[in-house]
Amino acid sequence: MAPTEANCAASARETAVKIIADAYAWIELFAGTRKGEFVKSKMEEAESVITPDTVLAEVARKYIREGVKEETTRQRLSTILEASEPAYVDDWIALESAKAYLQLARRAKDTGLGKPSLFDALVLAIARKNDGKILTGDEHFEGLTETMWISPS
């Protein structure tokens, strides 16, 4: 049976995933890098894009620390909120992020990485709650089943 447009669209929806956008992904996207193009394509293919509220703070911190104008930073934060659904910390996320932090810290110690941030643990907890994939290039997430690694071809 030849594939039809409807069958292809249905198949794409079945394989689409929920993307949990890490700060790494947004920063690459705004920088316009090859990794950013990869991020953009994955977000466009996604069932939905979710950005943890803490990622907004991470992105803002990076840009302000690097001397990016406040207005530019605000515009980028607005773009994130327009392009994705914010996820907020609740009691389940708070508890799961505590467990996730311990897991990430053990993995970091075993692999020689620096300590993960609590932000990393919150992102992982939100991915687990939403059955999503973290779109990132942050080494603390590498190899986790919840990770979609940013790797442009």
Protein backbone atom coordinates (compact mmCIF):
# COMPACT_ATOMS: atom_id res chain seq x y z
CA MET A 1 0.00 0.00 0.00
CA ALA A 2 1.43 3.36 -1.01
CA PRO A 3 1.82 5.91 1.78
CA THR A 4 -0.68 8.74 1.70
CA GLU A 5 -0.26 12.23 3.04
CA ALA A 6 -2.70 11.39 5.84
CA ASN A 7 -0.80 8.20 6.78
CA CYS A 8 2.51 10.08 6.81
CA ALA A 9 1.06 12.84 8.98
CA ALA A 10 -0.42 10.28 11.39
CA SER A 11 2.90 8.44 11.55
CA ALA A 12 4.76 11.68 12.29
CA ARG A 13 2.36 12.47 15.15
CA GLU A 14 2.86 8.98 16.60
CA THR A 15 6.63 9.41 16.65
CA ALA A 16 6.62 13.04 17.83
CA VAL A 17 7.92 13.61 21.32
CA LYS A 18 7.53 16.20 24.01
CA ILE A 19 10.67 18.30 24.09
CA ILE A 20 11.89 19.68 27.38
CA ALA A 21 14.08 22.59 26.31
CA ASP A 22 17.18 23.09 28.41
CA ALA A 23 19.01 26.43 28.58
CA TYR A 24 21.72 24.90 26.37
CA ALA A 25 19.17 24.39 23.59
CA TRP A 26 17.77 27.93 23.73
CA ILE A 27 21.22 29.50 23.83
CA GLU A 28 22.33 27.56 20.74
CA LEU A 29 19.09 28.48 18.97
CA PHE A 30 19.54 32.19 19.65
CA ALA A 31 23.22 32.02 18.63
CA GLY A 32 22.20 30.69 15.21
CA THR A 33 24.74 27.87 15.29
CA ARG A 34 24.49 24.51 13.51
CA LYS A 35 23.43 23.12 16.87
CA GLY A 36 20.81 25.86 17.00
CA GLU A 37 19.47 24.79 13.60
CA PHE A 38 19.24 21.23 14.91
CA VAL A 39 17.35 22.52 17.98
CA LYS A 40 14.95 24.46 15.78
CA SER A 41 14.19 21.43 13.61
CA LYS A 42 13.57 19.19 16.63
CA MET A 43 11.29 21.78 18.21
CA GLU A 44 9.33 22.12 14.96
CA GLU A 45 8.89 18.32 14.79
CA ALA A 46 7.90 17.98 18.46
CA GLU A 47 4.46 17.18 19.78
CA SER A 48 5.04 20.04 22.23
CA VAL A 49 7.90 22.09 23.64
CA ILE A 50 8.09 22.64 27.38
CA THR A 51 10.53 25.01 29.05
CA PRO A 52 11.08 24.77 32.80
CA ASP A 53 10.65 28.18 34.44
CA THR A 54 14.14 27.86 35.91
CA VAL A 55 15.57 27.75 32.38
CA LEU A 56 14.41 31.35 31.93
CA ALA A 57 16.59 32.34 34.88
CA GLU A 58 19.56 30.38 33.50
CA VAL A 59 19.27 32.03 30.09
CA ALA A 60 18.90 35.50 31.64
CA ARG A 61 21.92 34.92 33.91
CA LYS A 62 24.10 33.90 30.97
CA TYR A 63 23.17 36.90 28.84
CA ILE A 64 23.43 39.47 31.63
CA ARG A 65 26.77 38.00 32.76
CA GLU A 66 28.04 38.31 29.17
CA GLY A 67 26.91 41.95 28.89
CA VAL A 68 23.96 41.39 26.56
CA LYS A 69 21.57 44.34 26.71
CA GLU A 70 18.65 43.88 29.07
CA GLU A 71 16.14 44.63 26.29
CA THR A 72 17.65 41.89 24.09
CA THR A 73 17.56 39.48 27.02
CA ARG A 74 13.88 40.32 27.68
CA GLN A 75 13.05 39.77 24.00
CA ARG A 76 14.69 36.33 24.07
CA LEU A 77 12.84 35.38 27.25
CA SER A 78 9.57 36.50 25.62
CA THR A 79 10.40 34.37 22.57
CA ILE A 80 10.91 31.34 24.81
CA LEU A 81 7.54 31.90 26.49
CA GLU A 82 5.79 32.37 23.14
CA ALA A 83 7.41 29.31 21.56
CA SER A 84 6.95 26.89 24.44
CA GLU A 85 4.83 25.98 27.39
CA PRO A 86 6.33 26.94 30.76
CA ALA A 87 6.60 24.26 33.44
CA TYR A 88 6.61 25.28 37.07
CA VAL A 89 7.97 23.69 40.22
CA ASP A 90 5.30 21.94 42.29
CA ASP A 91 5.56 19.47 45.18
CA TRP A 92 6.09 16.48 42.86
CA ILE A 93 8.82 18.28 40.91
CA ALA A 94 10.49 19.41 44.15
CA LEU A 95 10.73 15.84 45.45
CA GLU A 96 11.69 14.31 42.11
CA SER A 97 14.36 16.97 41.55
CA ALA A 98 15.95 16.07 44.90
CA LYS A 99 16.21 12.44 43.75
CA ALA A 100 17.37 13.50 40.29
CA TYR A 101 20.07 15.70 41.78
CA LEU A 102 21.51 12.78 43.74
CA GLN A 103 21.47 10.64 40.59
CA LEU A 104 23.16 13.34 38.50
CA ALA A 105 25.73 14.03 41.24
CA ARG A 106 26.67 10.33 41.46
CA ARG A 107 27.02 10.10 37.67
CA ALA A 108 29.11 13.29 37.59
CA LYS A 109 31.45 11.97 40.27
CA ASP A 110 31.77 8.60 38.49
CA THR A 111 32.56 10.25 35.14
CA GLY A 112 34.76 13.08 36.39
CA LEU A 113 32.34 15.89 35.60
CA GLY A 114 31.80 18.85 37.87
CA LYS A 115 28.77 18.87 40.14
CA PRO A 116 25.45 19.36 38.37
CA SER A 117 23.29 22.33 39.28
CA LEU A 118 19.93 22.10 40.96
CA PHE A 119 18.63 23.61 37.70
CA ASP A 120 19.77 20.41 35.93
CA ALA A 121 17.86 18.29 38.43
CA LEU A 122 14.72 20.40 37.97
CA VAL A 123 14.91 19.97 34.19
CA LEU A 124 15.27 16.19 34.60
CA ALA A 125 12.34 16.03 37.03
CA ILE A 126 10.15 18.01 34.62
CA ALA A 127 11.13 15.67 31.79
CA ARG A 128 10.12 12.67 33.90
CA LYS A 129 6.80 14.21 34.94
CA ASN A 130 5.93 15.02 31.32
CA ASP A 131 7.38 11.85 29.77
CA GLY A 132 9.53 14.12 27.63
CA LYS A 133 13.01 14.25 26.18
CA ILE A 134 15.49 16.89 27.32
CA LEU A 135 16.90 18.64 24.27
CA THR A 136 20.42 19.49 25.38
CA GLY A 137 24.15 19.25 24.91
CA ASP A 138 24.87 19.49 28.64
CA GLU A 139 27.19 16.62 29.56
CA HIS A 140 25.33 16.01 32.84
CA PHE A 141 22.45 14.60 30.78
CA GLU A 142 24.50 12.59 28.29
CA GLY A 143 23.43 8.96 28.11
CA LEU A 144 20.20 9.33 30.10
CA THR A 145 17.11 7.80 28.53
CA GLU A 146 15.38 11.16 28.98
CA THR A 147 17.93 12.93 26.79
CA MET A 148 17.77 13.95 23.14
CA TRP A 149 21.35 14.94 22.42
CA ILE A 150 21.97 17.97 20.25
CA SER A 151 24.06 16.58 17.44
CA PRO A 152 23.78 18.23 14.05
CA SER A 153 24.87 16.04 11.17
